[in-house]
């Protein structure tokens, strides 16, 4: 904090190259990242990564573990006592996989920070450091979408999309969107028209994203969109300018299509420019034009003009961010595969610009870092700025009680107590849609599986896991299109009041509800609306038989909700939740839904409600809710 302002650092980095050569690249990349952190000393950091796991992600996804642990263990980051790491790694779910990674860090000096729950439509206080990896489809504090394939009809498959989070920092509310748009597959096709076919595809995808945010059920807030837009220079116009006094010679390949174009000077035949599908060389003028003549080159940087009424960008005073050499000894040269371009950008809505400080002492700074060091084929781009307090348009939640924080870590909802990060593998706790499609080398790197994957690994699912899974599936049904919006209690690992003891100390105004038997369970849930899992599953025409040896059904566990639109959701916008038909496939099968509970207990301490289920004399907390 600096006065009433929050120093914020936004970074976009395509990190694919790191995972191709992690032994060398990770240290170099992390060193420059930490230097930048030390230079700006931000209170809040948003690092948006693309191509997490690398281009050959099946074989190199295992290196994401070291990437995350290296960041968590960095001495320079130990005063960042809160964080949320979102890592979309499940390449076995091809229809959802984006390889995006959103990493957020909060300094101990920043008091009030909360993150939005897109299902329950409320802010949740951010405490501790949590890693969410593997398949993150059911994580509620993010919105993620892969772009429809018809946006890129030239390609059979892609992993392009966006991942959005919403933040409230000292009552300044804003969205942070990580985005990855499609690249130019062929230099020759890119120069056939102006704008190019690829440019039109990117424009369609970005416009689709902006319209989606405008029309969804959430209240509109300022937003920052930063990632690998893959924006390219107007290749046709640029080539015409570079080759004004030359003669072209074309070479044709398969199917009589042009495969190579060479431009030579008139008279002496000196080669000026060579263009192939994946080759672009301006020969002896390559560095002078693309690394040094930035202002002149920006005349051909036109892709943002289509969005000038909706998005803005600070002045660019750095060279094109792509494609730099991947030679670890060379951080200043471009590869001659593509025409260098400003692919990596930080764009913001005009409303977002209003929540930033602009004065003589606090002007935003927009630049790349790692200028002289090999950072891979993309140089990271960052924006440093100060956030004003109270300029968001959401109501301030309950004040967060100041307390001493620790560097706690949880991975996919499981608290980690090991003091040695070297002993941790984040993928031990990850879930994947289809374990049979995992790369053998990746599977070999995993020492143990979380309980949530116990069944697939030949283990019996734990009682707590089954109960949690049923509650999660219930929420999918409750949020189904044309169903009333329902508030639902969610499970959480950030619970300082967690206990295995059946008796929970209640506050002065606390309430305690106990169900001694399944028959009495229906009357034990506090709330205006009671919707049982069994009822909703019946509506979905999904049958869950009871256990043969116990006359107990999943009706022991209920959701609490109301039919009103949750706070923070705009009632004037579409109320259809972002739930798609494939999520019904996630419903547990009959042999997975086993809830041998004989007692359900609900208790409330201050603003936090807890639900415990007793089994064989042991009480297990399955979820909680804290009112914000």
Foldseek 3Di string as FASTA:
>chain_A
DPVQWFWEKEWAEAQQLCLVPVVQQLVQQVVQVLVVCVVRVGQKYKYKYFNQCHPPNLQRNLCSQVSVLCVLPDPSQQQQQWKEKEAQRFVVPQQFAQRMIIIMTGGPVFFFKWKAFQQQGDTDTTAAYEYEDAHCPLPRQKDWGADDCVLPVVDPGHNWTKMKIWMAGLNQIEMEMEGAADAQQFLVQCQPDVNGPRLSSLVVRVVVVVVCQVFFQFDDWWYKYWYQSNQFFSSNVVVCVQQVQWDKDFDADPPRHTAKIWTAHPPPRHTQWIGGGFFTDRDPCQCVVQFPVAVVRCVRRCSCVVCVQFKDADDDDGGQFFFCDQPQQFQAHHDGGHRGHNRTGMIIGPNVVVQWDDDPVWHKDWAFIPNGGRNHRGTMIMIITIGRRNSIPADDFDGDDDDDGRNWYYANQHTDDDPDSVVDRSQQEHDHPDPVPRNPSSVVVHPHHHLLCQVVVVHARDLLNLLLLLQSLLSLLCLAFPHFRWRFFHAHNPDPQDDFDPDGDADPPKDKFKDQFLVCQVVGDDADDKDFSCNSCVVVVHDADADPVDPDASSSDITHTDRDDRRRTHPVHDSRDPRDDVSNVSRDHNVSNYNPFTMWMWMDHDQKIWIWTDDPNIIDTNGMDGGD
